All heavy atoms as atom14 arrays in JSON, in Angstrom:
{
  "sequence": "SEEEDRKVKANYAARRRQALDSPSGLGFVPNGTSVLDAAPDERT",
  "atom14_mask": [
    [1, 1, 1, 1, 1, 1, 0, 0, 0, 0, 0, 0, 0, 0],
    [1, 1, 1, 1, 1, 1, 1, 1, 1, 0, 0, 0, 0, 0],
    [1, 1, 1, 1, 1, 1, 1, 1, 1, 0, 0, 0, 0, 0],
    [1, 1, 1, 1, 1, 1, 1, 1, 1, 0, 0, 0, 0, 0],
    [1, 1, 1, 1, 1, 1, 1, 1, 0, 0, 0, 0, 0, 0],
    [1, 1, 1, 1, 1, 1, 1, 1, 1, 1, 1, 0, 0, 0],
    [1, 1, 1, 1, 1, 1, 1, 1, 1, 0, 0, 0, 0, 0],
    [1, 1, 1, 1, 1, 1, 1, 0, 0, 0, 0, 0, 0, 0],
    [1, 1, 1, 1, 1, 1, 1, 1, 1, 0, 0, 0, 0, 0],
    [1, 1, 1, 1, 1, 0, 0, 0, 0, 0, 0, 0, 0, 0],
    [1, 1, 1, 1, 1, 1, 1, 1, 0, 0, 0, 0, 0, 0],
    [1, 1, 1, 1, 1, 1, 1, 1, 1, 1, 1, 1, 0, 0],
    [1, 1, 1, 1, 1, 0, 0, 0, 0, 0, 0, 0, 0, 0],
    [1, 1, 1, 1, 1, 0, 0, 0, 0, 0, 0, 0, 0, 0],
    [1, 1, 1, 1, 1, 1, 1, 1, 1, 1, 1, 0, 0, 0],
    [1, 1, 1, 1, 1, 1, 1, 1, 1, 1, 1, 0, 0, 0],
    [1, 1, 1, 1, 1, 1, 1, 1, 1, 1, 1, 0, 0, 0],
    [1, 1, 1, 1, 1, 1, 1, 1, 1, 0, 0, 0, 0, 0],
    [1, 1, 1, 1, 1, 0, 0, 0, 0, 0, 0, 0, 0, 0],
    [1, 1, 1, 1, 1, 1, 1, 1, 0, 0, 0, 0, 0, 0],
    [1, 1, 1, 1, 1, 1, 1, 1, 0, 0, 0, 0, 0, 0],
    [1, 1, 1, 1, 1, 1, 0, 0, 0, 0, 0, 0, 0, 0],
    [1, 1, 1, 1, 1, 1, 1, 0, 0, 0, 0, 0, 0, 0],
    [1, 1, 1, 1, 1, 1, 0, 0, 0, 0, 0, 0, 0, 0],
    [1, 1, 1, 1, 0, 0, 0, 0, 0, 0, 0, 0, 0, 0],
    [1, 1, 1, 1, 1, 1, 1, 1, 0, 0, 0, 0, 0, 0],
    [1, 1, 1, 1, 0, 0, 0, 0, 0, 0, 0, 0, 0, 0],
    [1, 1, 1, 1, 1, 1, 1, 1, 1, 1, 1, 0, 0, 0],
    [1, 1, 1, 1, 1, 1, 1, 0, 0, 0, 0, 0, 0, 0],
    [1, 1, 1, 1, 1, 1, 1, 0, 0, 0, 0, 0, 0, 0],
    [1, 1, 1, 1, 1, 1, 1, 1, 0, 0, 0, 0, 0, 0],
    [1, 1, 1, 1, 0, 0, 0, 0, 0, 0, 0, 0, 0, 0],
    [1, 1, 1, 1, 1, 1, 1, 0, 0, 0, 0, 0, 0, 0],
    [1, 1, 1, 1, 1, 1, 0, 0, 0, 0, 0, 0, 0, 0],
    [1, 1, 1, 1, 1, 1, 1, 0, 0, 0, 0, 0, 0, 0],
    [1, 1, 1, 1, 1, 1, 1, 1, 0, 0, 0, 0, 0, 0],
    [1, 1, 1, 1, 1, 1, 1, 1, 0, 0, 0, 0, 0, 0],
    [1, 1, 1, 1, 1, 0, 0, 0, 0, 0, 0, 0, 0, 0],
    [1, 1, 1, 1, 1, 0, 0, 0, 0, 0, 0, 0, 0, 0],
    [1, 1, 1, 1, 1, 1, 1, 0, 0, 0, 0, 0, 0, 0],
    [1, 1, 1, 1, 1, 1, 1, 1, 0, 0, 0, 0, 0, 0],
    [1, 1, 1, 1, 1, 1, 1, 1, 1, 0, 0, 0, 0, 0],
    [1, 1, 1, 1, 1, 1, 1, 1, 1, 1, 1, 0, 0, 0],
    [1, 1, 1, 1, 1, 1, 1, 0, 0, 0, 0, 0, 0, 0]
  ],
  "atom14_positions": [
    [[0.85, -1.2, -0.01], [0.01, -0.01, -0.01], [0.89, 1.26, 0.01], [2.06, 1.21, 0.32], [-0.9, 0.01, 1.23], [-0.12, 0.18, 2.41], [0.0, 0.0, 0.0], [0.0, 0.0, 0.0], [0.0, 0.0, 0.0], [0.0, 0.0, 0.0], [0.0, 0.0, 0.0], [0.0, 0.0, 0.0], [0.0, 0.0, 0.0], [0.0, 0.0, 0.0]],
    [[0.23, 2.37, -0.32], [0.98, 3.64, -0.3], [1.45, 3.95, 1.11], [2.55, 4.47, 1.34], [0.05, 4.76, -0.81], [-0.21, 4.7, -2.31], [1.04, 4.83, -3.15], [1.99, 5.54, -2.7], [1.09, 4.22, -4.23], [0.0, 0.0, 0.0], [0.0, 0.0, 0.0], [0.0, 0.0, 0.0], [0.0, 0.0, 0.0], [0.0, 0.0, 0.0]],
    [[0.6, 3.64, 2.09], [0.97, 3.89, 3.49], [2.19, 3.06, 3.89], [3.1, 3.58, 4.55], [-0.2, 3.58, 4.39], [0.09, 3.82, 5.89], [-1.09, 3.46, 6.78], [-2.14, 3.05, 6.24], [-0.94, 3.59, 7.99], [0.0, 0.0, 0.0], [0.0, 0.0, 0.0], [0.0, 0.0, 0.0], [0.0, 0.0, 0.0], [0.0, 0.0, 0.0]],
    [[2.2, 1.77, 3.54], [3.34, 0.92, 3.87], [4.61, 1.39, 3.2], [5.68, 1.41, 3.78], [3.05, -0.52, 3.52], [4.15, -1.5, 3.93], [3.8, -2.95, 3.61], [2.74, -3.2, 3.02], [4.6, -3.82, 3.98], [0.0, 0.0, 0.0], [0.0, 0.0, 0.0], [0.0, 0.0, 0.0], [0.0, 0.0, 0.0], [0.0, 0.0, 0.0]],
    [[4.47, 1.78, 1.94], [5.65, 2.26, 1.18], [6.22, 3.52, 1.82], [7.45, 3.61, 2.0], [5.22, 2.57, -0.28], [6.4, 2.95, -1.14], [7.32, 2.13, -1.32], [6.41, 4.1, -1.63], [0.0, 0.0, 0.0], [0.0, 0.0, 0.0], [0.0, 0.0, 0.0], [0.0, 0.0, 0.0], [0.0, 0.0, 0.0], [0.0, 0.0, 0.0]],
    [[5.37, 4.44, 2.21], [5.86, 5.67, 2.88], [6.52, 5.33, 4.22], [7.57, 5.91, 4.55], [4.68, 6.65, 3.1], [4.25, 7.36, 1.88], [3.31, 8.54, 2.22], [2.11, 8.09, 2.89], [0.97, 7.75, 2.25], [0.93, 7.82, 0.92], [-0.08, 7.34, 2.93], [0.0, 0.0, 0.0], [0.0, 0.0, 0.0], [0.0, 0.0, 0.0]],
    [[5.93, 4.43, 4.95], [6.47, 4.08, 6.26], [7.87, 3.45, 6.14], [8.79, 3.81, 6.89], [5.53, 3.11, 6.97], [5.93, 2.75, 8.37], [4.9, 1.86, 9.02], [5.34, 1.46, 10.44], [4.35, 0.58, 11.09], [0.0, 0.0, 0.0], [0.0, 0.0, 0.0], [0.0, 0.0, 0.0], [0.0, 0.0, 0.0], [0.0, 0.0, 0.0]],
    [[8.01, 2.53, 5.21], [9.33, 1.89, 5.04], [10.36, 2.9, 4.59], [11.47, 2.98, 5.12], [9.23, 0.74, 4.01], [10.64, 0.25, 3.64], [8.41, -0.42, 4.56], [0.0, 0.0, 0.0], [0.0, 0.0, 0.0], [0.0, 0.0, 0.0], [0.0, 0.0, 0.0], [0.0, 0.0, 0.0], [0.0, 0.0, 0.0], [0.0, 0.0, 0.0]],
    [[10.02, 3.74, 3.6], [11.0, 4.67, 3.07], [11.36, 5.75, 4.08], [12.48, 6.3, 4.04], [10.46, 5.27, 1.78], [10.44, 4.27, 0.63], [9.84, 4.84, -0.66], [9.93, 3.8, -1.77], [9.29, 4.28, -3.03], [0.0, 0.0, 0.0], [0.0, 0.0, 0.0], [0.0, 0.0, 0.0], [0.0, 0.0, 0.0], [0.0, 0.0, 0.0]],
    [[10.47, 6.08, 4.98], [10.79, 7.08, 6.01], [11.8, 6.54, 7.02], [12.47, 7.32, 7.69], [9.51, 7.51, 6.72], [0.0, 0.0, 0.0], [0.0, 0.0, 0.0], [0.0, 0.0, 0.0], [0.0, 0.0, 0.0], [0.0, 0.0, 0.0], [0.0, 0.0, 0.0], [0.0, 0.0, 0.0], [0.0, 0.0, 0.0], [0.0, 0.0, 0.0]],
    [[11.85, 5.23, 7.12], [12.76, 4.6, 8.1], [13.72, 3.61, 7.47], [14.18, 2.68, 8.11], [11.93, 3.89, 9.18], [11.05, 4.84, 9.95], [11.52, 5.54, 10.85], [9.77, 4.88, 9.62], [0.0, 0.0, 0.0], [0.0, 0.0, 0.0], [0.0, 0.0, 0.0], [0.0, 0.0, 0.0], [0.0, 0.0, 0.0], [0.0, 0.0, 0.0]],
    [[14.03, 3.83, 6.18], [14.81, 2.84, 5.45], [16.2, 2.66, 6.04], [16.71, 1.54, 6.16], [14.92, 3.27, 3.97], [14.74, 2.12, 2.99], [14.06, 2.32, 1.79], [15.2, 0.83, 3.27], [13.86, 1.29, 0.9], [15.0, -0.22, 2.37], [14.33, 0.03, 1.2], [14.13, -1.01, 0.3], [0.0, 0.0, 0.0], [0.0, 0.0, 0.0]],
    [[16.84, 3.76, 6.45], [18.2, 3.66, 6.97], [18.23, 2.79, 8.22], [19.12, 1.94, 8.39], [18.75, 5.06, 7.27], [0.0, 0.0, 0.0], [0.0, 0.0, 0.0], [0.0, 0.0, 0.0], [0.0, 0.0, 0.0], [0.0, 0.0, 0.0], [0.0, 0.0, 0.0], [0.0, 0.0, 0.0], [0.0, 0.0, 0.0], [0.0, 0.0, 0.0]],
    [[17.25, 2.93, 9.1], [17.18, 2.13, 10.3], [16.92, 0.67, 9.93], [17.48, -0.23, 10.59], [16.1, 2.66, 11.22], [0.0, 0.0, 0.0], [0.0, 0.0, 0.0], [0.0, 0.0, 0.0], [0.0, 0.0, 0.0], [0.0, 0.0, 0.0], [0.0, 0.0, 0.0], [0.0, 0.0, 0.0], [0.0, 0.0, 0.0], [0.0, 0.0, 0.0]],
    [[16.08, 0.45, 8.95], [15.79, -0.92, 8.53], [17.07, -1.6, 7.99], [17.33, -2.76, 8.28], [14.7, -0.91, 7.43], [14.25, -2.31, 6.98], [13.19, -2.2, 5.92], [12.74, -3.49, 5.5], [11.49, -3.94, 5.56], [10.55, -3.18, 6.05], [11.17, -5.14, 5.11], [0.0, 0.0, 0.0], [0.0, 0.0, 0.0], [0.0, 0.0, 0.0]],
    [[17.84, -0.86, 7.23], [19.11, -1.41, 6.69], [20.08, -1.73, 7.82], [20.78, -2.76, 7.82], [19.73, -0.44, 5.73], [18.92, -0.15, 4.47], [18.72, -1.37, 3.6], [18.31, -1.0, 2.26], [17.95, -1.87, 1.3], [17.95, -3.16, 1.55], [17.59, -1.42, 0.11], [0.0, 0.0, 0.0], [0.0, 0.0, 0.0], [0.0, 0.0, 0.0]],
    [[20.17, -0.83, 8.82], [21.06, -1.08, 9.95], [20.65, -2.33, 10.68], [21.48, -3.14, 11.13], [21.08, 0.13, 10.88], [21.86, 1.32, 10.35], [22.12, 2.36, 11.42], [20.89, 2.92, 11.96], [20.28, 3.98, 11.47], [20.77, 4.63, 10.42], [19.15, 4.44, 12.04], [0.0, 0.0, 0.0], [0.0, 0.0, 0.0], [0.0, 0.0, 0.0]],
    [[19.34, -2.49, 10.84], [18.83, -3.68, 11.51], [19.19, -4.94, 10.75], [19.58, -5.95, 11.3], [17.29, -3.58, 11.67], [16.65, -4.81, 12.28], [17.19, -5.12, 13.67], [17.25, -4.25, 14.53], [17.59, -6.35, 13.89], [0.0, 0.0, 0.0], [0.0, 0.0, 0.0], [0.0, 0.0, 0.0], [0.0, 0.0, 0.0], [0.0, 0.0, 0.0]],
    [[19.05, -4.89, 9.43], [19.39, -6.05, 8.61], [20.87, -6.41, 8.73], [21.23, -7.57, 8.85], [19.04, -5.79, 7.15], [0.0, 0.0, 0.0], [0.0, 0.0, 0.0], [0.0, 0.0, 0.0], [0.0, 0.0, 0.0], [0.0, 0.0, 0.0], [0.0, 0.0, 0.0], [0.0, 0.0, 0.0], [0.0, 0.0, 0.0], [0.0, 0.0, 0.0]],
    [[21.73, -5.41, 8.72], [23.18, -5.64, 8.8], [23.55, -6.19, 10.19], [24.58, -6.85, 10.35], [23.94, -4.37, 8.56], [24.0, -3.89, 7.1], [24.49, -2.46, 7.0], [24.93, -4.82, 6.28], [0.0, 0.0, 0.0], [0.0, 0.0, 0.0], [0.0, 0.0, 0.0], [0.0, 0.0, 0.0], [0.0, 0.0, 0.0], [0.0, 0.0, 0.0]],
    [[22.7, -5.96, 11.17], [22.99, -6.37, 12.55], [22.2, -7.61, 12.93], [22.06, -7.92, 14.13], [22.69, -5.23, 13.51], [23.53, -5.33, 14.79], [24.67, -5.79, 14.72], [23.0, -4.94, 15.86], [0.0, 0.0, 0.0], [0.0, 0.0, 0.0], [0.0, 0.0, 0.0], [0.0, 0.0, 0.0], [0.0, 0.0, 0.0], [0.0, 0.0, 0.0]],
    [[21.67, -8.31, 11.93], [20.82, -9.46, 12.18], [21.53, -10.76, 11.78], [22.53, -10.72, 11.08], [19.51, -9.33, 11.42], [19.74, -9.56, 10.03], [0.0, 0.0, 0.0], [0.0, 0.0, 0.0], [0.0, 0.0, 0.0], [0.0, 0.0, 0.0], [0.0, 0.0, 0.0], [0.0, 0.0, 0.0], [0.0, 0.0, 0.0], [0.0, 0.0, 0.0]],
    [[21.01, -11.91, 12.18], [21.62, -13.17, 11.75], [21.53, -13.45, 10.25], [22.45, -13.99, 9.64], [20.84, -14.23, 12.56], [20.21, -13.48, 13.68], [19.93, -12.12, 13.15], [0.0, 0.0, 0.0], [0.0, 0.0, 0.0], [0.0, 0.0, 0.0], [0.0, 0.0, 0.0], [0.0, 0.0, 0.0], [0.0, 0.0, 0.0], [0.0, 0.0, 0.0]],
    [[20.41, -13.06, 9.65], [20.13, -13.46, 8.26], [20.05, -12.32, 7.27], [19.78, -12.53, 6.09], [18.83, -14.28, 8.2], [18.96, -15.47, 8.95], [0.0, 0.0, 0.0], [0.0, 0.0, 0.0], [0.0, 0.0, 0.0], [0.0, 0.0, 0.0], [0.0, 0.0, 0.0], [0.0, 0.0, 0.0], [0.0, 0.0, 0.0], [0.0, 0.0, 0.0]],
    [[20.24, -11.08, 7.72], [20.2, -9.96, 6.8], [18.8, -9.5, 6.46], [18.58, -8.96, 5.37], [0.0, 0.0, 0.0], [0.0, 0.0, 0.0], [0.0, 0.0, 0.0], [0.0, 0.0, 0.0], [0.0, 0.0, 0.0], [0.0, 0.0, 0.0], [0.0, 0.0, 0.0], [0.0, 0.0, 0.0], [0.0, 0.0, 0.0], [0.0, 0.0, 0.0]],
    [[17.87, -9.73, 7.37], [16.48, -9.32, 7.13], [16.15, -8.1, 7.99], [16.68, -7.93, 9.07], [15.54, -10.49, 7.46], [15.81, -11.79, 6.69], [14.86, -12.88, 7.15], [15.69, -11.59, 5.2], [0.0, 0.0, 0.0], [0.0, 0.0, 0.0], [0.0, 0.0, 0.0], [0.0, 0.0, 0.0], [0.0, 0.0, 0.0], [0.0, 0.0, 0.0]],
    [[15.21, -7.29, 7.49], [14.96, -5.99, 8.1], [13.96, -6.0, 9.21], [13.08, -5.13, 9.28], [0.0, 0.0, 0.0], [0.0, 0.0, 0.0], [0.0, 0.0, 0.0], [0.0, 0.0, 0.0], [0.0, 0.0, 0.0], [0.0, 0.0, 0.0], [0.0, 0.0, 0.0], [0.0, 0.0, 0.0], [0.0, 0.0, 0.0], [0.0, 0.0, 0.0]],
    [[14.01, -6.98, 10.11], [13.16, -6.97, 11.3], [13.97, -7.5, 12.49], [15.03, -8.14, 12.29], [11.89, -7.8, 11.07], [12.14, -9.28, 10.9], [12.19, -10.14, 11.99], [12.31, -9.81, 9.62], [12.42, -11.5, 11.83], [12.55, -11.19, 9.44], [12.6, -12.01, 10.57], [0.0, 0.0, 0.0], [0.0, 0.0, 0.0], [0.0, 0.0, 0.0]],
    [[13.48, -7.25, 13.67], [14.22, -7.67, 14.88], [13.85, -9.13, 15.17], [12.7, -9.44, 15.46], [13.85, -6.78, 16.08], [14.57, -7.25, 17.33], [14.17, -5.32, 15.78], [0.0, 0.0, 0.0], [0.0, 0.0, 0.0], [0.0, 0.0, 0.0], [0.0, 0.0, 0.0], [0.0, 0.0, 0.0], [0.0, 0.0, 0.0], [0.0, 0.0, 0.0]],
    [[14.81, -10.05, 15.13], [14.53, -11.45, 15.44], [14.13, -11.64, 16.9], [14.52, -10.86, 17.77], [15.83, -12.18, 15.13], [16.64, -11.21, 14.31], [16.21, -9.86, 14.73], [0.0, 0.0, 0.0], [0.0, 0.0, 0.0], [0.0, 0.0, 0.0], [0.0, 0.0, 0.0], [0.0, 0.0, 0.0], [0.0, 0.0, 0.0], [0.0, 0.0, 0.0]],
    [[13.38, -12.66, 17.16], [12.98, -13.0, 18.52], [14.18, -13.52, 19.27], [14.81, -14.52, 18.85], [11.85, -14.05, 18.49], [11.22, -14.27, 19.84], [11.81, -13.96, 20.87], [10.02, -14.82, 19.83], [0.0, 0.0, 0.0], [0.0, 0.0, 0.0], [0.0, 0.0, 0.0], [0.0, 0.0, 0.0], [0.0, 0.0, 0.0], [0.0, 0.0, 0.0]],
    [[14.51, -12.95, 20.4], [15.7, -13.34, 21.16], [15.45, -14.39, 22.2], [16.34, -14.69, 23.02], [0.0, 0.0, 0.0], [0.0, 0.0, 0.0], [0.0, 0.0, 0.0], [0.0, 0.0, 0.0], [0.0, 0.0, 0.0], [0.0, 0.0, 0.0], [0.0, 0.0, 0.0], [0.0, 0.0, 0.0], [0.0, 0.0, 0.0], [0.0, 0.0, 0.0]],
    [[14.26, -14.98, 22.25], [13.95, -15.98, 23.25], [13.96, -17.39, 22.65], [13.92, -17.56, 21.43], [12.59, -15.71, 23.91], [11.59, -15.77, 22.89], [12.56, -14.35, 24.55], [0.0, 0.0, 0.0], [0.0, 0.0, 0.0], [0.0, 0.0, 0.0], [0.0, 0.0, 0.0], [0.0, 0.0, 0.0], [0.0, 0.0, 0.0], [0.0, 0.0, 0.0]],
    [[13.98, -18.38, 23.54], [13.96, -19.78, 23.12], [12.54, -20.28, 22.95], [11.62, -19.86, 23.68], [14.71, -20.62, 24.16], [14.47, -22.01, 23.96], [0.0, 0.0, 0.0], [0.0, 0.0, 0.0], [0.0, 0.0, 0.0], [0.0, 0.0, 0.0], [0.0, 0.0, 0.0], [0.0, 0.0, 0.0], [0.0, 0.0, 0.0], [0.0, 0.0, 0.0]],
    [[12.37, -21.2, 22.02], [11.08, -21.86, 21.89], [10.68, -22.51, 23.2], [9.51, -22.48, 23.62], [11.15, -22.94, 20.77], [9.86, -23.74, 20.69], [11.49, -22.35, 19.44], [0.0, 0.0, 0.0], [0.0, 0.0, 0.0], [0.0, 0.0, 0.0], [0.0, 0.0, 0.0], [0.0, 0.0, 0.0], [0.0, 0.0, 0.0], [0.0, 0.0, 0.0]],
    [[11.65, -23.11, 23.89], [11.39, -23.89, 25.08], [10.98, -23.03, 26.28], [10.39, -23.54, 27.24], [12.6, -24.74, 25.43], [13.09, -25.7, 24.33], [14.34, -26.43, 24.76], [11.99, -26.7, 23.96], [0.0, 0.0, 0.0], [0.0, 0.0, 0.0], [0.0, 0.0, 0.0], [0.0, 0.0, 0.0], [0.0, 0.0, 0.0], [0.0, 0.0, 0.0]],
    [[11.32, -21.74, 26.22], [10.99, -20.84, 27.33], [9.59, -20.24, 27.22], [9.13, -19.6, 28.15], [12.02, -19.72, 27.43], [13.38, -20.22, 27.87], [13.45, -21.29, 28.47], [14.4, -19.53, 27.59], [0.0, 0.0, 0.0], [0.0, 0.0, 0.0], [0.0, 0.0, 0.0], [0.0, 0.0, 0.0], [0.0, 0.0, 0.0], [0.0, 0.0, 0.0]],
    [[8.94, -20.4, 26.05], [7.65, -19.8, 25.84], [6.52, -20.72, 26.3], [6.59, -21.95, 26.1], [7.48, -19.49, 24.36], [0.0, 0.0, 0.0], [0.0, 0.0, 0.0], [0.0, 0.0, 0.0], [0.0, 0.0, 0.0], [0.0, 0.0, 0.0], [0.0, 0.0, 0.0], [0.0, 0.0, 0.0], [0.0, 0.0, 0.0], [0.0, 0.0, 0.0]],
    [[5.51, -20.14, 26.91], [4.31, -20.9, 27.25], [3.62, -21.35, 25.96], [3.7, -20.67, 24.93], [3.38, -20.05, 28.09], [0.0, 0.0, 0.0], [0.0, 0.0, 0.0], [0.0, 0.0, 0.0], [0.0, 0.0, 0.0], [0.0, 0.0, 0.0], [0.0, 0.0, 0.0], [0.0, 0.0, 0.0], [0.0, 0.0, 0.0], [0.0, 0.0, 0.0]],
    [[2.92, -22.47, 25.97], [2.31, -22.99, 24.74], [1.42, -21.97, 24.0], [1.5, -21.85, 22.79], [1.48, -24.2, 25.23], [2.26, -24.67, 26.43], [2.79, -23.42, 27.09], [0.0, 0.0, 0.0], [0.0, 0.0, 0.0], [0.0, 0.0, 0.0], [0.0, 0.0, 0.0], [0.0, 0.0, 0.0], [0.0, 0.0, 0.0], [0.0, 0.0, 0.0]],
    [[0.56, -21.25, 24.72], [-0.3, -20.28, 24.06], [0.49, -19.15, 23.43], [0.2, -18.73, 22.33], [-1.3, -19.72, 25.09], [-2.35, -20.72, 25.48], [-2.44, -21.78, 24.83], [-3.09, -20.47, 26.47], [0.0, 0.0, 0.0], [0.0, 0.0, 0.0], [0.0, 0.0, 0.0], [0.0, 0.0, 0.0], [0.0, 0.0, 0.0], [0.0, 0.0, 0.0]],
    [[1.5, -18.68, 24.17], [2.35, -17.59, 23.65], [3.12, -18.07, 22.41], [3.25, -17.36, 21.41], [3.33, -17.15, 24.71], [4.33, -16.11, 24.25], [5.52, -15.95, 25.18], [5.42, -16.44, 26.33], [6.55, -15.38, 24.77], [0.0, 0.0, 0.0], [0.0, 0.0, 0.0], [0.0, 0.0, 0.0], [0.0, 0.0, 0.0], [0.0, 0.0, 0.0]],
    [[3.61, -19.3, 22.48], [4.36, -19.87, 21.38], [3.51, -19.96, 20.13], [3.94, -19.61, 19.03], [4.9, -21.24, 21.79], [5.87, -21.87, 20.78], [6.57, -23.04, 21.45], [5.65, -24.05, 21.95], [5.79, -24.7, 23.07], [6.79, -24.43, 23.9], [4.93, -25.63, 23.43], [0.0, 0.0, 0.0], [0.0, 0.0, 0.0], [0.0, 0.0, 0.0]],
    [[2.29, -20.45, 20.3], [1.39, -20.53, 19.14], [1.12, -19.17, 18.52], [1.09, -19.03, 17.31], [0.06, -21.19, 19.57], [0.33, -22.5, 20.07], [-0.89, -21.26, 18.39], [0.0, 0.0, 0.0], [0.0, 0.0, 0.0], [0.0, 0.0, 0.0], [0.0, 0.0, 0.0], [0.0, 0.0, 0.0], [0.0, 0.0, 0.0], [0.0, 0.0, 0.0]]
  ]
}
């Protein structure tokens, strides 16, 4: 959407920094917790 496009482009530099600082080079913050530490409902 136009709204999503504007939002990404307004914060593109931060998204790129996040990708460079991630395990796989993707522009979101990975979950830092273990599967085993999550309650079943939360995990789902």
